[in-house]
Amino acid sequence: MTTISDSFAATAARSSALAADVAAHPGRYRILTGERPTGALHLGHYFGTVAERVRLHDLGVETFIILADYQVITDRDGLGAVRENVHNAVLDYLAAGIDPARATIFTHSAVPALNQLMLPFLSLVTEAELHRNPTVKAEHAAAGRALSALLLTYPVHQAADILFCKSNLVPVGKDNLPHVEQTRVIARRFNERYGPVFPEPQALLTSTPEVPGLDGRKMSKSYGNAISLAMTADETAALIRRTPTDSERRITFDPALRPGVSALLTTASLCTGTEPEVLAAEIGDQGSGALKKLTTEAVNTYLAAHRARRTELARDPHLVTDILRTGNQRANAIADQTLTEVRTAMGTVY
């Protein structure tokens, strides 16, 4: 009998072979990646997704980055400061190394043909399949209220995002594999029912490091434990200084029993490339003050170039608007073409 671990091992093996082919033939691949602009991008985003998309972009993989503003309301009552969040995200993409001349950066709401794919795609999945999606289940549990239709159909939204540009490669962590598989299922069912239009995208597993918030919980702006990429060095120092640790003077790495201390060690480790246990041994009995000083210096040194570049880019008040206008135009041209192919395949061109 095939177990979940066996299935993941097989997926990991395929992904490893795929990674080698991407490195050798980057021009064969197109990726769709991005995020919901619910707040400022932080260190967790950087290590979790941004660095990997920059790596693939630099290899020469054609890159589409979606700022899924419509999807902000899958689990929220409003959009909040969505314009500001989108603007700041674009600045962070550019500062991290994304070249808008070689990448398409666009907003979900500005591409109506993309969203029109939702209707035929919804006919290709069952309600039970949507309820089984891990993200839908987790978000529903966290929301503590009735499941909205938008949240229930979130996996189909993601499939439309991926397939509108005929992306054939999706960089994901292990937890997001079900989304890619659902997208593959939708592409396969459409092609079988109406004729070949969509590729079945492949998942490229990324070694996404666990980046806890400074207090050991999930890194989140709402918890006040996230180091924003746009923070100044002084703001970073003040945030780390306020972070609760514990009364034990000797510094050790123990995420279960010492979440605050361990989160700081993890953060410093990611920024320096030194294992957290080694950093803990170096600090020894110097206490949390020395740990916070080390973490502050590690983060500020690591982000110095990013922040300097970001500040320089922000001086041009029209830069982000111009990039989004160009990106939205590119995305619309591709989405319109794809929708025409879909309507032709379905026999709904009149």
Protein backbone atom coordinates (compact mmCIF):
# COMPACT_ATOMS: atom_id res chain seq x y z
CA MET A 1 0.00 0.00 0.00
CA THR A 2 1.32 3.47 -0.92
CA THR A 3 1.67 5.78 2.09
CA ILE A 4 1.67 9.57 2.24
CA SER A 5 5.42 9.53 2.92
CA ASP A 6 5.98 7.29 -0.13
CA SER A 7 3.93 9.66 -2.28
CA PHE A 8 5.88 12.69 -1.05
CA ALA A 9 9.18 10.89 -1.62
CA ALA A 10 8.16 10.27 -5.23
CA THR A 11 7.13 13.91 -5.62
CA ALA A 12 10.45 15.05 -4.14
CA ALA A 13 12.37 12.81 -6.54
CA ARG A 14 10.46 14.22 -9.53
CA SER A 15 11.05 17.74 -8.28
CA SER A 16 14.80 17.10 -7.96
CA ALA A 17 14.99 15.92 -11.57
CA LEU A 18 12.84 18.89 -12.61
CA ALA A 19 15.16 21.33 -10.82
CA ALA A 20 18.11 19.97 -12.79
CA ASP A 21 16.24 20.43 -16.06
CA VAL A 22 15.19 23.97 -15.10
CA ALA A 23 18.83 24.85 -14.43
CA ALA A 24 19.90 23.35 -17.76
CA HIS A 25 16.98 24.66 -19.86
CA PRO A 26 15.37 27.65 -18.09
CA GLY A 27 13.81 28.92 -21.32
CA ARG A 28 11.44 25.95 -21.37
CA TYR A 29 9.66 27.11 -18.24
CA ARG A 30 7.19 29.76 -17.15
CA ILE A 31 6.31 30.29 -13.49
CA LEU A 32 3.36 31.95 -11.82
CA THR A 33 4.03 33.05 -8.27
CA GLY A 34 2.89 35.81 -5.95
CA GLU A 35 0.91 36.53 -2.81
CA ARG A 36 -2.13 38.15 -1.30
CA PRO A 37 -1.25 41.78 -0.42
CA THR A 38 -2.58 41.65 3.14
CA GLY A 39 0.30 43.59 4.68
CA ALA A 40 3.95 44.52 4.36
CA LEU A 41 6.33 41.84 3.12
CA HIS A 42 8.55 40.63 5.94
CA LEU A 43 11.56 38.44 6.54
CA GLY A 44 9.40 35.32 6.41
CA HIS A 45 8.23 36.23 2.92
CA TYR A 46 11.79 36.92 1.84
CA PHE A 47 13.23 33.59 2.89
CA GLY A 48 10.02 31.71 2.15
CA THR A 49 9.28 32.80 -1.43
CA VAL A 50 10.96 35.99 -2.66
CA ALA A 51 14.52 34.66 -2.67
CA GLU A 52 13.47 31.56 -4.64
CA ARG A 53 11.58 33.49 -7.30
CA VAL A 54 14.58 35.80 -7.72
CA ARG A 55 16.81 32.75 -8.17
CA LEU A 56 14.57 31.31 -10.88
CA HIS A 57 14.18 34.72 -12.51
CA ASP A 58 17.98 35.10 -12.64
CA LEU A 59 18.29 31.66 -14.23
CA GLY A 60 16.15 32.91 -17.11
CA VAL A 61 12.79 31.32 -16.25
CA GLU A 62 9.92 33.45 -17.57
CA THR A 63 8.32 34.92 -14.45
CA PHE A 64 4.79 36.11 -13.73
CA ILE A 65 4.12 37.62 -10.28
CA ILE A 66 0.52 38.15 -9.23
CA LEU A 67 -0.59 40.45 -6.46
CA ALA A 68 -3.87 38.72 -5.74
CA ASP A 69 -5.82 41.65 -4.35
CA TYR A 70 -9.22 40.03 -4.92
CA GLN A 71 -8.08 37.09 -2.80
CA VAL A 72 -7.46 39.34 0.21
CA ILE A 73 -11.16 39.02 1.02
CA THR A 74 -11.21 35.20 1.05
CA ASP A 75 -10.93 35.37 4.84
CA ARG A 76 -11.38 39.08 5.58
CA ASP A 77 -14.28 41.54 5.71
CA GLY A 78 -12.51 44.16 3.57
CA LEU A 79 -9.45 44.97 1.54
CA GLY A 80 -7.76 47.21 4.12
CA ALA A 81 -4.76 49.20 2.91
CA VAL A 82 -4.52 47.10 -0.25
CA ARG A 83 -3.17 49.88 -2.51
CA GLU A 84 -0.36 50.64 -0.08
CA ASN A 85 0.41 46.94 0.34
CA VAL A 86 0.58 46.40 -3.43
CA HIS A 87 2.82 49.44 -3.88
CA ASN A 88 5.20 48.33 -1.14
CA ALA A 89 5.32 44.75 -2.42
CA VAL A 90 6.41 45.93 -5.87
CA LEU A 91 9.20 48.00 -4.33
CA ASP A 92 10.37 44.93 -2.41
CA TYR A 93 10.31 42.77 -5.55
CA LEU A 94 12.47 45.28 -7.38
CA ALA A 95 14.84 45.75 -4.46
CA ALA A 96 15.23 41.97 -4.18
CA GLY A 97 16.32 41.73 -7.81
CA ILE A 98 13.23 41.21 -9.99
CA ASP A 99 13.66 43.02 -13.32
CA PRO A 100 10.25 44.30 -14.53
CA ALA A 101 11.55 44.31 -18.11
CA ARG A 102 11.89 40.52 -17.88
CA ALA A 103 9.05 39.73 -15.45
CA THR A 104 5.33 40.47 -15.52
CA ILE A 105 4.11 41.99 -12.24
CA PHE A 106 0.35 42.48 -12.20
CA THR A 107 -2.73 42.74 -9.99
CA HIS A 108 -5.51 40.16 -9.91
CA SER A 109 -8.38 42.64 -10.14
CA ALA A 110 -6.98 44.28 -13.28
CA VAL A 111 -7.25 41.13 -15.42
CA PRO A 112 -10.96 40.35 -15.96
CA ALA A 113 -10.36 37.55 -18.49
CA LEU A 114 -8.39 35.65 -15.85
CA ASN A 115 -11.38 35.73 -13.53
CA GLN A 116 -13.73 34.59 -16.31
CA LEU A 117 -11.87 31.26 -16.31
CA MET A 118 -13.39 30.60 -12.90
CA LEU A 119 -16.80 29.67 -14.35
CA PRO A 120 -15.76 26.74 -16.55
CA PHE A 121 -13.15 25.68 -14.00
CA LEU A 122 -15.77 25.49 -11.23
CA SER A 123 -17.72 23.01 -13.33
CA LEU A 124 -14.71 20.68 -13.32
CA VAL A 125 -14.39 20.19 -9.54
CA THR A 126 -16.69 18.78 -6.88
CA GLU A 127 -17.67 20.36 -3.61
CA ALA A 128 -16.06 17.45 -1.75
CA GLU A 129 -12.73 18.09 -3.50
CA LEU A 130 -12.78 21.72 -2.41
CA HIS A 131 -13.65 20.84 1.18
CA ARG A 132 -10.67 18.45 1.30
CA ASN A 133 -8.16 21.17 0.39
CA PRO A 134 -5.84 21.73 3.39
CA THR A 135 -5.75 25.51 2.98
CA VAL A 136 -9.54 25.75 2.85
CA LYS A 137 -9.83 23.60 5.97
CA ALA A 138 -7.16 25.54 7.87
CA GLU A 139 -8.51 28.98 6.94
CA HIS A 140 -12.05 27.91 7.76
CA ALA A 141 -10.96 26.70 11.19
CA ALA A 142 -9.00 29.88 11.85
CA ALA A 143 -11.84 32.16 10.72
CA GLY A 144 -14.26 30.70 13.26
CA ARG A 145 -17.30 31.53 11.14
CA ALA A 146 -19.35 30.20 8.24
CA LEU A 147 -17.35 29.16 5.18
CA SER A 148 -17.73 31.75 2.43
CA ALA A 149 -18.11 30.69 -1.20
CA LEU A 150 -14.98 32.68 -2.03
CA LEU A 151 -12.90 30.80 0.52
CA LEU A 152 -14.36 27.46 -0.57
CA THR A 153 -13.40 28.18 -4.19
CA TYR A 154 -9.94 29.52 -3.32
CA PRO A 155 -8.17 26.50 -4.93
CA VAL A 156 -10.00 27.21 -8.20
CA HIS A 157 -8.93 30.85 -8.04
CA GLN A 158 -5.36 29.68 -7.74
CA ALA A 159 -5.81 27.31 -10.66
CA ALA A 160 -7.06 30.20 -12.81
CA ASP A 161 -4.06 32.29 -11.74
CA ILE A 162 -1.65 29.54 -12.75
CA LEU A 163 -3.35 28.45 -15.97
CA PHE A 164 -4.36 31.77 -17.53
CA CYS A 165 -0.73 32.34 -18.58
CA LYS A 166 -0.17 28.61 -19.20
CA SER A 167 2.43 28.38 -16.47
CA ASN A 168 4.12 24.99 -16.53
CA LEU A 169 6.14 25.35 -13.32
CA VAL A 170 4.97 26.31 -9.83
CA PRO A 171 7.56 26.76 -7.06
CA VAL A 172 5.89 25.66 -3.81
CA GLY A 173 6.61 24.36 -0.35
CA LYS A 174 5.32 20.98 0.76
CA ASP A 175 2.13 22.45 2.28
CA ASN A 176 1.02 23.92 -1.06
CA LEU A 177 1.38 20.75 -3.12
CA PRO A 178 -2.41 20.08 -2.97
CA HIS A 179 -3.02 23.39 -4.79
CA VAL A 180 -0.76 22.38 -7.65
CA GLU A 181 -2.37 18.95 -7.84
CA GLN A 182 -5.85 20.53 -7.96
CA THR A 183 -4.65 22.79 -10.78
CA ARG A 184 -3.31 19.77 -12.67
CA VAL A 185 -6.65 18.02 -12.23
CA ILE A 186 -8.55 21.03 -13.57
CA ALA A 187 -6.23 21.35 -16.59
CA ARG A 188 -6.53 17.63 -17.32
CA ARG A 189 -10.32 17.58 -17.03
CA PHE A 190 -10.72 20.64 -19.23
CA ASN A 191 -8.45 19.16 -21.91
CA GLU A 192 -10.29 15.83 -21.79
CA ARG A 193 -13.71 17.46 -22.00
CA TYR A 194 -13.11 20.24 -24.51
CA GLY A 195 -9.74 19.66 -26.18
CA PRO A 196 -6.09 20.50 -25.42
CA VAL A 197 -5.65 24.06 -24.18
CA PHE A 198 -3.72 23.93 -20.90
CA PRO A 199 -0.44 22.37 -19.80
CA GLU A 200 -0.44 20.39 -16.57
CA PRO A 201 1.95 22.45 -14.43
CA GLN A 202 4.63 20.72 -12.41
CA ALA A 203 5.48 21.46 -8.80
CA LEU A 204 9.02 22.55 -8.04
CA LEU A 205 9.52 21.87 -4.35
CA THR A 206 11.43 24.63 -2.59
CA SER A 207 13.36 24.18 0.62
CA THR A 208 11.39 26.86 2.41
CA PRO A 209 12.94 27.48 5.83
CA GLU A 210 10.74 27.85 8.87
CA VAL A 211 10.89 31.53 9.82
CA PRO A 212 9.10 32.04 13.14
CA GLY A 213 8.02 35.41 14.40
CA LEU A 214 10.29 37.01 16.97
CA ASP A 215 8.15 35.62 19.79
CA GLY A 216 8.12 32.08 18.42
CA ARG A 217 4.62 32.23 16.96
CA LYS A 218 3.89 32.43 13.23
CA MET A 219 5.44 35.58 11.77
CA SER A 220 2.57 38.02 11.24
CA LYS A 221 2.13 41.77 11.17
CA SER A 222 -1.01 41.36 13.29
CA TYR A 223 1.08 39.79 16.07
CA GLY A 224 3.65 42.58 15.97
CA ASN A 225 6.42 39.99 15.67
CA ALA A 226 7.43 40.44 12.03
CA ILE A 227 10.48 42.25 10.69
CA SER A 228 9.24 44.14 7.67
CA LEU A 229 11.65 44.41 4.75
CA ALA A 230 10.89 48.14 4.64
CA MET A 231 11.81 48.81 8.27
CA THR A 232 14.77 51.04 9.04
CA ALA A 233 17.72 49.69 10.99
CA ASP A 234 16.55 51.63 14.07
CA GLU A 235 12.99 50.29 13.78
CA THR A 236 14.37 46.77 13.52
CA ALA A 237 16.53 47.28 16.60
CA ALA A 238 13.58 48.65 18.59
CA LEU A 239 11.34 45.72 17.60
CA ILE A 240 13.94 43.12 18.54
CA ARG A 241 14.69 44.93 21.80
CA ARG A 242 11.00 44.67 22.80
CA THR A 243 10.82 40.97 22.03
CA PRO A 244 10.06 38.87 25.15
CA THR A 245 12.50 36.06 25.93
CA ASP A 246 12.82 34.46 29.38
CA SER A 247 14.74 34.88 32.63
CA GLU A 248 17.34 32.16 32.03
CA ARG A 249 20.72 33.77 31.36
CA ARG A 250 22.37 30.97 29.46
CA ILE A 251 21.30 30.98 25.81
CA THR A 252 20.25 27.63 24.36
CA PHE A 253 18.34 26.60 21.26
CA ASP A 254 15.13 24.87 22.33
CA PRO A 255 12.09 25.87 20.22
CA ALA A 256 9.63 23.88 22.35
CA LEU A 257 10.65 25.19 25.78
CA ARG A 258 12.25 28.54 24.84
CA PRO A 259 10.28 29.84 21.83
CA GLY A 260 11.33 33.50 22.12
CA VAL A 261 15.04 32.80 22.51
CA SER A 262 14.96 30.15 19.79
CA ALA A 263 13.10 32.42 17.36
CA LEU A 264 15.80 35.07 17.72
CA LEU A 265 18.47 32.44 17.18
CA THR A 266 16.67 31.15 14.09
CA THR A 267 16.40 34.66 12.66
CA ALA A 268 20.09 35.34 13.25
CA SER A 269 20.95 31.94 11.79
CA LEU A 270 19.09 32.60 8.53
CA CYS A 271 20.80 35.97 8.14
CA THR A 272 24.33 34.75 8.94
CA GLY A 273 24.31 31.20 7.61
CA THR A 274 25.46 29.88 11.01
CA GLU A 275 23.50 27.14 12.75
CA PRO A 276 21.40 28.38 15.70
CA GLU A 277 23.05 25.91 18.10
CA VAL A 278 26.45 27.34 17.20
CA LEU A 279 25.24 30.90 17.79
CA ALA A 280 23.75 29.87 21.13
CA ALA A 281 27.07 28.35 22.21
CA GLU A 282 28.93 31.51 21.18
CA ILE A 283 26.63 33.70 23.29
CA GLY A 284 26.66 31.30 26.24
CA ASP A 285 26.02 33.06 29.55
CA GLN A 286 25.93 36.58 28.12
CA GLY A 287 22.13 36.59 28.27
CA SER A 288 19.28 37.87 26.14
CA GLY A 289 20.84 41.30 25.72
CA ALA A 290 23.74 39.81 23.80
CA LEU A 291 21.35 37.62 21.81
CA LYS A 292 19.23 40.60 20.79
CA LYS A 293 22.33 42.59 19.85
CA LEU A 294 23.58 39.72 17.68
CA THR A 295 20.18 39.27 15.99
CA THR A 296 19.82 42.99 15.33
CA GLU A 297 23.24 43.19 13.71
CA ALA A 298 22.60 40.05 11.66
CA VAL A 299 19.26 41.26 10.29
CA ASN A 300 20.39 44.82 9.60
CA THR A 301 23.54 43.64 7.84
CA TYR A 302 21.62 41.12 5.75
CA LEU A 303 18.94 43.61 4.68
CA ALA A 304 21.18 46.66 4.27
CA ALA A 305 21.59 46.38 0.50
CA HIS A 306 17.89 45.57 -0.02
CA ARG A 307 16.80 48.55 2.03
CA ALA A 308 19.21 50.94 0.34
CA ARG A 309 18.00 49.86 -3.07
CA ARG A 310 14.37 50.10 -1.95
CA THR A 311 14.86 53.66 -0.66
CA GLU A 312 16.45 54.64 -3.96
CA LEU A 313 13.60 53.15 -5.98
CA ALA A 314 10.93 54.81 -3.81
CA ARG A 315 12.23 58.25 -4.82
CA ASP A 316 10.49 57.87 -8.19
CA PRO A 317 6.79 58.47 -7.45
CA HIS A 318 5.68 57.00 -10.80
CA LEU A 319 7.83 53.87 -10.88
CA VAL A 320 5.41 51.41 -9.29
CA THR A 321 2.40 52.76 -11.18
CA ASP A 322 4.23 52.47 -14.50
CA ILE A 323 5.40 48.92 -13.75
CA LEU A 324 1.90 47.79 -12.79
CA ARG A 325 0.37 49.45 -15.83
CA THR A 326 2.80 47.63 -18.12
CA GLY A 327 2.41 44.35 -16.23
CA ASN A 328 -1.37 44.56 -16.29
CA GLN A 329 -1.32 45.21 -20.04
CA ARG A 330 0.87 42.16 -20.63
CA ALA A 331 -1.26 39.97 -18.37
CA ASN A 332 -4.48 41.15 -20.04
CA ALA A 333 -3.18 40.39 -23.52
CA ILE A 334 -2.26 36.85 -22.47
CA ALA A 335 -5.49 36.30 -20.51
CA ASP A 336 -7.61 37.53 -23.44
CA GLN A 337 -5.84 35.11 -25.78
CA THR A 338 -6.28 32.21 -23.35
CA LEU A 339 -9.96 32.99 -22.83
CA THR A 340 -10.46 33.08 -26.60
CA GLU A 341 -8.88 29.60 -26.83
CA VAL A 342 -11.15 28.40 -24.02
CA ARG A 343 -14.29 29.77 -25.62
CA THR A 344 -13.29 28.31 -28.98
CA ALA A 345 -12.70 24.90 -27.42
CA MET A 346 -16.05 25.09 -25.63
CA GLY A 347 -17.90 26.29 -28.75
CA THR A 348 -19.01 29.58 -27.22
CA VAL A 349 -17.66 31.97 -29.85
CA TYR A 350 -20.58 33.70 -31.58
